[in-house]
PDB file of N, CA and C in Angstrom:
ATOM      1  N   MET A   1      98.523 113.978 125.365  1.00  0.00           N
ATOM      2  CA  MET A   1      99.110 113.070 126.324  1.00  0.00           C
ATOM      3  C   MET A   1      98.767 111.639 125.919  1.00  0.00           C
ATOM      4  N   PRO A   2      99.734 110.745 125.929  1.00  0.00           N
ATOM      5  CA  PRO A   2      99.466 109.351 125.568  1.00  0.00           C
ATOM      6  C   PRO A   2      98.571 108.667 126.603  1.00  0.00           C
ATOM      7  N   THR A   3      97.816 107.689 126.127  1.00  0.00           N
ATOM      8  CA  THR A   3      97.018 106.857 127.022  1.00  0.00           C
ATOM      9  C   THR A   3      97.430 105.410 126.801  1.00  0.00           C
ATOM     10  N   SER A   4      97.292 104.603 127.837  1.00  0.00           N
ATOM     11  CA  SER A   4      97.711 103.209 127.733  1.00  0.00           C
ATOM     12  C   SER A   4      96.607 102.296 128.251  1.00  0.00           C
ATOM     13  N   ALA A   5      96.670 101.042 127.779  1.00  0.00           N
ATOM     14  CA  ALA A   5      95.694 100.047 128.205  1.00  0.00           C
ATOM     15  C   ALA A   5      96.279  98.660 128.014  1.00  0.00           C
ATOM     16  N   GLN A   6      95.762  97.716 128.766  1.00  0.00           N
ATOM     17  CA  GLN A   6      96.052  96.303 128.569  1.00  0.00           C
ATOM     18  C   GLN A   6      94.740  95.673 128.123  1.00  0.00           C
ATOM     19  N   VAL A   7      94.777  95.031 126.947  1.00  0.00           N
ATOM     20  CA  VAL A   7      93.567  94.469 126.367  1.00  0.00           C
ATOM     21  C   VAL A   7      93.716  92.960 126.277  1.00  0.00           C
ATOM     22  N   SER A   8      92.740  92.238 126.792  1.00  0.00           N
ATOM     23  CA  SER A   8      92.712  90.786 126.681  1.00  0.00           C
ATOM     24  C   SER A   8      92.029  90.429 125.368  1.00  0.00           C
ATOM     25  N   VAL A   9      92.772  89.756 124.494  1.00  0.00           N
ATOM     26  CA  VAL A   9      92.269  89.429 123.155  1.00  0.00           C
ATOM     27  C   VAL A   9      92.059  87.928 123.053  1.00  0.00           C
ATOM     28  N   GLY A  10      90.880  87.543 122.599  1.00  0.00           N
ATOM     29  CA  GLY A  10      90.545  86.131 122.443  1.00  0.00           C
ATOM     30  C   GLY A  10      90.279  85.771 120.995  1.00  0.00           C
ATOM     31  N   THR A  11      89.423  84.789 120.816  1.00  0.00           N
ATOM     32  CA  THR A  11      89.184  84.224 119.493  1.00  0.00           C
ATOM     33  C   THR A  11      88.074  84.919 118.707  1.00  0.00           C
ATOM     34  N   THR A  12      87.575  86.025 119.214  1.00  0.00           N
ATOM     35  CA  THR A  12      86.671  86.878 118.447  1.00  0.00           C
ATOM     36  C   THR A  12      87.322  88.253 118.334  1.00  0.00           C
ATOM     37  N   ALA A  13      87.017  88.964 117.269  1.00  0.00           N
ATOM     38  CA  ALA A  13      87.628  90.280 117.053  1.00  0.00           C
ATOM     39  C   ALA A  13      87.389  91.175 118.266  1.00  0.00           C
ATOM     40  N   THR A  14      88.479  91.725 118.794  1.00  0.00           N
ATOM     41  CA  THR A  14      88.451  92.536 120.007  1.00  0.00           C
ATOM     42  C   THR A  14      88.995  93.922 119.688  1.00  0.00           C
ATOM     43  N   LEU A  15      88.291  94.953 120.108  1.00  0.00           N
ATOM     44  CA  LEU A  15      88.714  96.325 119.850  1.00  0.00           C
ATOM     45  C   LEU A  15      89.997  96.645 120.617  1.00  0.00           C
ATOM     46  N   LEU A  16      91.030  97.056 119.884  1.00  0.00           N
ATOM     47  CA  LEU A  16      92.292  97.475 120.501  1.00  0.00           C
ATOM     48  C   LEU A  16      92.371  98.992 120.602  1.00  0.00           C
ATOM     49  N   VAL A  17      91.955  99.676 119.540  1.00  0.00           N
ATOM     50  CA  VAL A  17      92.010 101.132 119.489  1.00  0.00           C
ATOM     51  C   VAL A  17      90.699 101.636 118.890  1.00  0.00           C
ATOM     52  N   ALA A  18      89.988 102.439 119.646  1.00  0.00           N
ATOM     53  CA  ALA A  18      88.724 102.993 119.163  1.00  0.00           C
ATOM     54  C   ALA A  18      88.977 104.050 118.100  1.00  0.00           C
ATOM     55  N   ALA A  19      88.020 104.205 117.205  1.00  0.00           N
ATOM     56  CA  ALA A  19      88.095 105.255 116.196  1.00  0.00           C
ATOM     57  C   ALA A  19      88.098 106.613 116.887  1.00  0.00           C
ATOM     58  N   SER A  20      88.800 107.533 116.291  1.00  0.00           N
ATOM     59  CA  SER A  20      88.893 108.889 116.811  1.00  0.00           C
ATOM     60  C   SER A  20      88.691 109.855 115.652  1.00  0.00           C
ATOM     61  N   THR A  21      88.313 111.077 115.960  1.00  0.00           N
ATOM     62  CA  THR A  21      88.191 112.078 114.905  1.00  0.00           C
ATOM     63  C   THR A  21      89.561 112.631 114.522  1.00  0.00           C
ATOM     64  N   PHE A  22      90.614 112.169 115.188  1.00  0.00           N
ATOM     65  CA  PHE A  22      91.979 112.601 114.907  1.00  0.00           C
ATOM     66  C   PHE A  22      92.836 111.403 114.517  1.00  0.00           C
ATOM     67  N   ASP A  23      93.902 111.650 113.768  1.00  0.00           N
ATOM     68  CA  ASP A  23      94.886 110.608 113.517  1.00  0.00           C
ATOM     69  C   ASP A  23      95.562 110.246 114.830  1.00  0.00           C
ATOM     70  N   GLN A  24      95.973 108.985 114.956  1.00  0.00           N
ATOM     71  CA  GLN A  24      96.632 108.505 116.167  1.00  0.00           C
ATOM     72  C   GLN A  24      97.903 107.745 115.802  1.00  0.00           C
ATOM     73  N   THR A  25      98.866 107.769 116.690  1.00  0.00           N
ATOM     74  CA  THR A  25     100.010 106.871 116.608  1.00  0.00           C
ATOM     75  C   THR A  25      99.822 105.849 117.711  1.00  0.00           C
ATOM     76  N   VAL A  26      99.981 104.565 117.353  1.00  0.00           N
ATOM     77  CA  VAL A  26      99.712 103.483 118.286  1.00  0.00           C
ATOM     78  C   VAL A  26     100.945 102.596 118.394  1.00  0.00           C
ATOM     79  N   TRP A  27     101.267 102.202 119.614  1.00  0.00           N
ATOM     80  CA  TRP A  27     102.324 101.235 119.870  1.00  0.00           C
ATOM     81  C   TRP A  27     101.678 100.003 120.482  1.00  0.00           C
ATOM     82  N   LEU A  28     101.962  98.831 119.915  1.00  0.00           N
ATOM     83  CA  LEU A  28     101.392  97.575 120.388  1.00  0.00           C
ATOM     84  C   LEU A  28     102.497  96.647 120.855  1.00  0.00           C
ATOM     85  N   HIS A  29     102.228  95.891 121.910  1.00  0.00           N
ATOM     86  CA  HIS A  29     103.130  94.846 122.391  1.00  0.00           C
ATOM     87  C   HIS A  29     102.266  93.610 122.653  1.00  0.00           C
ATOM     88  N   ASN A  30     102.491  92.563 121.861  1.00  0.00           N
ATOM     89  CA  ASN A  30     101.766  91.304 122.017  1.00  0.00           C
ATOM     90  C   ASN A  30     102.496  90.457 123.045  1.00  0.00           C
ATOM     91  N   SER A  31     101.833  90.141 124.124  1.00  0.00           N
ATOM     92  CA  SER A  31     102.509  89.443 125.218  1.00  0.00           C
ATOM     93  C   SER A  31     101.654  88.303 125.762  1.00  0.00           C
ATOM     94  N   GLY A  32     102.300  87.220 126.070  1.00  0.00           N
ATOM     95  CA  GLY A  32     101.636  86.148 126.803  1.00  0.00           C
ATOM     96  C   GLY A  32     100.721  85.286 125.978  1.00  0.00           C
ATOM     97  N   GLY A  33     101.248  84.576 125.032  1.00  0.00           N
ATOM     98  CA  GLY A  33     100.426  83.676 124.230  1.00  0.00           C
ATOM     99  C   GLY A  33     101.023  83.486 122.859  1.00  0.00           C
ATOM    100  N   GLY A  34     100.175  83.182 121.923  1.00  0.00           N
ATOM    101  CA  GLY A  34     100.607  82.948 120.555  1.00  0.00           C
ATOM    102  C   GLY A  34     100.541  84.215 119.732  1.00  0.00           C
ATOM    103  N   ALA A  35     100.415  84.015 118.437  1.00  0.00           N
ATOM    104  CA  ALA A  35     100.370  85.132 117.498  1.00  0.00           C
ATOM    105  C   ALA A  35      99.080  85.937 117.677  1.00  0.00           C
ATOM    106  N   LEU A  36      99.205  87.224 117.421  1.00  0.00           N
ATOM    107  CA  LEU A  36      98.084  88.158 117.400  1.00  0.00           C
ATOM    108  C   LEU A  36      97.929  88.616 115.957  1.00  0.00           C
ATOM    109  N   TYR A  37      96.693  88.730 115.503  1.00  0.00           N
ATOM    110  CA  TYR A  37      96.416  89.220 114.157  1.00  0.00           C
ATOM    111  C   TYR A  37      95.630  90.508 114.294  1.00  0.00           C
ATOM    112  N   ILE A  38      96.057  91.567 113.601  1.00  0.00           N
ATOM    113  CA  ILE A  38      95.390  92.859 113.718  1.00  0.00           C
ATOM    114  C   ILE A  38      94.799  93.275 112.374  1.00  0.00           C
ATOM    115  N   GLY A  39      93.738  94.080 112.451  1.00  0.00           N
ATOM    116  CA  GLY A  39      93.080  94.569 111.245  1.00  0.00           C
ATOM    117  C   GLY A  39      91.801  95.300 111.599  1.00  0.00           C
ATOM    118  N   SER A  40      90.880  95.307 110.652  1.00  0.00           N
ATOM    119  CA  SER A  40      89.599  95.984 110.857  1.00  0.00           C
ATOM    120  C   SER A  40      88.653  95.081 111.653  1.00  0.00           C
ATOM    121  N   SER A  41      87.406  95.484 111.751  1.00  0.00           N
ATOM    122  CA  SER A  41      86.448  94.740 112.580  1.00  0.00           C
ATOM    123  C   SER A  41      86.196  93.322 112.075  1.00  0.00           C
ATOM    124  N   ASN A  42      86.531  93.042 110.835  1.00  0.00           N
ATOM    125  CA  ASN A  42      86.345  91.693 110.285  1.00  0.00           C
ATOM    126  C   ASN A  42      87.647  90.889 110.287  1.00  0.00           C
ATOM    127  N   VAL A  43      88.589  91.272 111.140  1.00  0.00           N
ATOM    128  CA  VAL A  43      89.885  90.583 111.189  1.00  0.00           C
ATOM    129  C   VAL A  43      89.708  89.113 111.571  1.00  0.00           C
ATOM    130  N   THR A  44      90.503  88.269 110.915  1.00  0.00           N
ATOM    131  CA  THR A  44      90.558  86.845 111.241  1.00  0.00           C
ATOM    132  C   THR A  44      92.024  86.434 111.265  1.00  0.00           C
ATOM    133  N   THR A  45      92.268  85.203 111.650  1.00  0.00           N
ATOM    134  CA  THR A  45      93.642  84.704 111.622  1.00  0.00           C
ATOM    135  C   THR A  45      94.118  84.488 110.190  1.00  0.00           C
ATOM    136  N   ALA A  46      93.202  84.491 109.247  1.00  0.00           N
ATOM    137  CA  ALA A  46      93.558  84.305 107.837  1.00  0.00           C
ATOM    138  C   ALA A  46      93.831  85.619 107.111  1.00  0.00           C
ATOM    139  N   ASN A  47      93.219  86.733 107.571  1.00  0.00           N
ATOM    140  CA  ASN A  47      93.398  87.988 106.838  1.00  0.00           C
ATOM    141  C   ASN A  47      94.086  89.090 107.640  1.00  0.00           C
ATOM    142  N   GLY A  48      94.400  88.846 108.913  1.00  0.00           N
ATOM    143  CA  GLY A  48      95.018  89.860 109.748  1.00  0.00           C
ATOM    144  C   GLY A  48      96.521  89.950 109.575  1.00  0.00           C
ATOM    145  N   TYR A  49      97.083  91.061 110.021  1.00  0.00           N
ATOM    146  CA  TYR A  49      98.531  91.255 110.030  1.00  0.00           C
ATOM    147  C   TYR A  49      99.071  90.567 111.280  1.00  0.00           C
ATOM    148  N   LYS A  50     100.005  89.662 111.117  1.00  0.00           N
ATOM    149  CA  LYS A  50     100.471  88.796 112.212  1.00  0.00           C
ATOM    150  C   LYS A  50     101.575  89.454 113.037  1.00  0.00           C
ATOM    151  N   LEU A  51     101.366  89.432 114.355  1.00  0.00           N
ATOM    152  CA  LEU A  51     102.391  89.815 115.326  1.00  0.00           C
ATOM    153  C   LEU A  51     102.659  88.596 116.193  1.00  0.00           C
ATOM    154  N   ASP A  52     103.867  88.071 116.134  1.00  0.00           N
ATOM    155  CA  ASP A  52     104.216  86.923 116.957  1.00  0.00           C
ATOM    156  C   ASP A  52     104.276  87.306 118.426  1.00  0.00           C
ATOM    157  N   ASN A  53     104.290  86.307 119.302  1.00  0.00           N
ATOM    158  CA  ASN A  53     104.395  86.556 120.732  1.00  0.00           C
ATOM    159  C   ASN A  53     105.630  87.412 121.019  1.00  0.00           C
ATOM    160  N   ASP A  54     105.462  88.415 121.823  1.00  0.00           N
ATOM    161  CA  ASP A  54     106.476  89.362 122.262  1.00  0.00           C
ATOM    162  C   ASP A  54     106.896  90.362 121.188  1.00  0.00           C
ATOM    163  N   ASP A  55     106.226  90.370 120.031  1.00  0.00           N
ATOM    164  CA  ASP A  55     106.492  91.388 119.011  1.00  0.00           C
ATOM    165  C   ASP A  55     105.940  92.728 119.471  1.00  0.00           C
ATOM    166  N   LYS A  56     106.600  93.784 118.997  1.00  0.00           N
ATOM    167  CA  LYS A  56     106.164  95.154 119.262  1.00  0.00           C
ATOM    168  C   LYS A  56     106.111  95.887 117.929  1.00  0.00           C
ATOM    169  N   MET A  57     105.202  96.826 117.798  1.00  0.00           N
ATOM    170  CA  MET A  57     105.155  97.614 116.574  1.00  0.00           C
ATOM    171  C   MET A  57     104.551  98.979 116.837  1.00  0.00           C
ATOM    172  N   GLU A  58     104.914  99.920 115.985  1.00  0.00           N
ATOM    173  CA  GLU A  58     104.341 101.261 115.989  1.00  0.00           C
ATOM    174  C   GLU A  58     103.627 101.441 114.655  1.00  0.00           C
ATOM    175  N   LEU A  59     102.435 102.018 114.685  1.00  0.00           N
ATOM    176  CA  LEU A  59     101.742 102.263 113.433  1.00  0.00           C
ATOM    177  C   LEU A  59     100.821 103.454 113.541  1.00  0.00           C
ATOM    178  N   PRO A  60     100.627 104.158 112.432  1.00  0.00           N
ATOM    179  CA  PRO A  60      99.648 105.241 112.416  1.00  0.00           C
ATOM    180  C   PRO A  60      98.254 104.659 112.212  1.00  0.00           C
ATOM    181  N   VAL A  61      97.292 105.228 112.890  1.00  0.00           N
ATOM    182  CA  VAL A  61      95.893 104.827 112.714  1.00  0.00           C
ATOM    183  C   VAL A  61      95.152 106.097 112.320  1.00  0.00           C
ATOM    184  N   GLY A  62      94.558 106.074 111.128  1.00  0.00           N
ATOM    185  CA  GLY A  62      93.874 107.251 110.606  1.00  0.00           C
ATOM    186  C   GLY A  62      92.630 107.610 111.388  1.00  0.00           C
ATOM    187  N   ASP A  63      92.131 108.802 111.112  1.00  0.00           N
ATOM    188  CA  ASP A  63      90.909 109.232 111.783  1.00  0.00           C
ATOM    189  C   ASP A  63      89.744 108.346 111.357  1.00  0.00           C
ATOM    190  N   ASN A  64      88.875 108.093 112.290  1.00  0.00           N
ATOM    191  CA  ASN A  64      87.686 107.249 112.096  1.00  0.00           C
ATOM    192  C   ASN A  64      88.017 105.809 111.718  1.00  0.00           C
ATOM    193  N   GLU A  65      89.204 105.334 112.090  1.00  0.00           N
ATOM    194  CA  GLU A  65      89.602 103.947 111.815  1.00  0.00           C
ATOM    195  C   GLU A  65      89.896 103.232 113.128  1.00  0.00           C
ATOM    196  N   PRO A  66      89.040 102.298 113.536  1.00  0.00           N
ATOM    197  CA  PRO A  66      89.346 101.498 114.721  1.00  0.00           C
ATOM    198  C   PRO A  66      90.327 100.387 114.354  1.00  0.00           C
ATOM    199  N   LEU A  67      90.956  99.801 115.357  1.00  0.00           N
ATOM    200  CA  LEU A  67      91.897  98.704 115.155  1.00  0.00           C
ATOM    201  C   LEU A  67      91.483  97.542 116.051  1.00  0.00           C
ATOM    202  N   TYR A  68      91.402  96.348 115.464  1.00  0.00           N
ATOM    203  CA  TYR A  68      90.971  95.152 116.177  1.00  0.00           C
ATOM    204  C   TYR A  68      92.068  94.095 116.183  1.00  0.00           C
ATOM    205  N   GLY A  69      91.961  93.157 117.117  1.00  0.00           N
ATOM    206  CA  GLY A  69      92.877  92.032 117.174  1.00  0.00           C
ATOM    207  C   GLY A  69      92.134  90.743 117.449  1.00  0.00           C
ATOM    208  N   ILE A  70      92.776  89.627 117.092  1.00  0.00           N
ATOM    209  CA  ILE A  70      92.213  88.298 117.319  1.00  0.00           C
ATOM    210  C   ILE A  70      93.361  87.313 117.457  1.00  0.00           C
ATOM    211  N   VAL A  71      93.144  86.225 118.194  1.00  0.00           N
ATOM    212  CA  VAL A  71      94.129  85.154 118.309  1.00  0.00           C
ATOM    213  C   VAL A  71      93.470  83.837 117.901  1.00  0.00           C
ATOM    214  N   ALA A  72      94.282  82.840 117.562  1.00  0.00           N
ATOM    215  CA  ALA A  72      93.760  81.551 117.098  1.00  0.00           C
ATOM    216  C   ALA A  72      93.150  80.737 118.235  1.00  0.00           C
ATOM    217  N   SER A  73      93.741  80.820 119.430  1.00  0.00           N
ATOM    218  CA  SER A  73      93.213  80.074 120.576  1.00  0.00           C
ATOM    219  C   SER A  73      93.661  80.746 121.864  1.00  0.00           C
ATOM    220  N   GLY A  74      92.902  80.527 122.914  1.00  0.00           N
ATOM    221  CA  GLY A  74      93.253  81.113 124.210  1.00  0.00           C
ATOM    222  C   GLY A  74      93.061  82.617 124.217  1.00  0.00           C
ATOM    223  N   THR A  75      93.862  83.284 125.041  1.00  0.00           N
ATOM    224  CA  THR A  75      93.834  84.747 125.109  1.00  0.00           C
ATOM    225  C   THR A  75      95.252  85.285 125.207  1.00  0.00           C
ATOM    226  N   ASN A  76      95.453  86.455 124.686  1.00  0.00           N
ATOM    227  CA  ASN A  76      96.722  87.185 124.789  1.00  0.00           C
ATOM    228  C   ASN A  76      96.453  88.510 125.480  1.00  0.00           C
ATOM    229  N   THR A  77      97.445  89.000 126.178  1.00  0.00           N
ATOM    230  CA  THR A  77      97.397  90.366 126.679  1.00  0.00           C
ATOM    231  C   THR A  77      98.139  91.237 125.679  1.00  0.00           C
ATOM    232  N   VAL A  78      97.474  92.288 125.222  1.00  0.00           N
ATOM    233  CA  VAL A  78      98.085  93.228 124.292  1.00  0.00           C
ATOM    234  C   VAL A  78      98.184  94.567 125.011  1.00  0.00           C
ATOM    235  N   TYR A  79      99.394  95.088 125.069  1.00  0.00           N
ATOM    236  CA  TYR A  79      99.649  96.385 125.675  1.00  0.00           C
ATOM    237  C   TYR A  79      99.543  97.435 124.574  1.00  0.00           C
ATOM    238  N   VAL A  80      98.712  98.442 124.821  1.00  0.00           N
ATOM    239  CA  VAL A  80      98.432  99.458 123.814  1.00  0.00           C
ATOM    240  C   VAL A  80      98.771 100.837 124.387  1.00  0.00           C
ATOM    241  N   LEU A  81      99.580 101.577 123.653  1.00  0.00           N
ATOM    242  CA  LEU A  81      99.878 102.966 123.981  1.00  0.00           C
ATOM    243  C   LEU A  81      99.483 103.787 122.772  1.00  0.00           C
ATOM    244  N   LYS A  82      98.699 104.830 122.970  1.00  0.00           N
ATOM    245  CA  LYS A  82      98.280 105.634 121.822  1.00  0.00           C
ATOM    246  C   LYS A  82      98.444 107.118 122.125  1.00  0.00           C
ATOM    247  N   GLN A  83      98.753 107.824 121.051  1.00  0.00           N
ATOM    248  CA  GLN A  83      98.943 109.273 121.112  1.00  0.00           C
ATOM    249  C   GLN A  83      98.119 109.879 119.992  1.00  0.00           C
ATOM    250  N   ILE A  84      97.248 110.830 120.332  1.00  0.00           N
ATOM    251  CA  ILE A  84      96.499 111.530 119.299  1.00  0.00           C
ATOM    252  C   ILE A  84      97.436 112.578 118.699  1.00  0.00           C
ATOM    253  N   ASN A  85      97.485 112.587 117.380  1.00  0.00           N
ATOM    254  CA  ASN A  85      98.405 113.503 116.686  1.00  0.00           C
ATOM    255  C   ASN A  85      97.765 114.855 116.452  1.00  0.00           C
TER     256      ASN A  85
END
């Protein structure tokens, strides 16, 4: 069964999806602010994958791989839906 969350992401790396012992499919929606950058725990605005405001994406997240996000300034609300495969 899918689970959902709203995550407030600021200027420090924020956990979006916790590591799991199973592969996961994740849907992200960046809402309310500027660009969101996603990556590993060391994500920055310089090395992260950029999602502009109101962008949505689906991606697989492997087992034992957490997913983090960060923004350049302020805070964004990121809507997260995940399904364990």
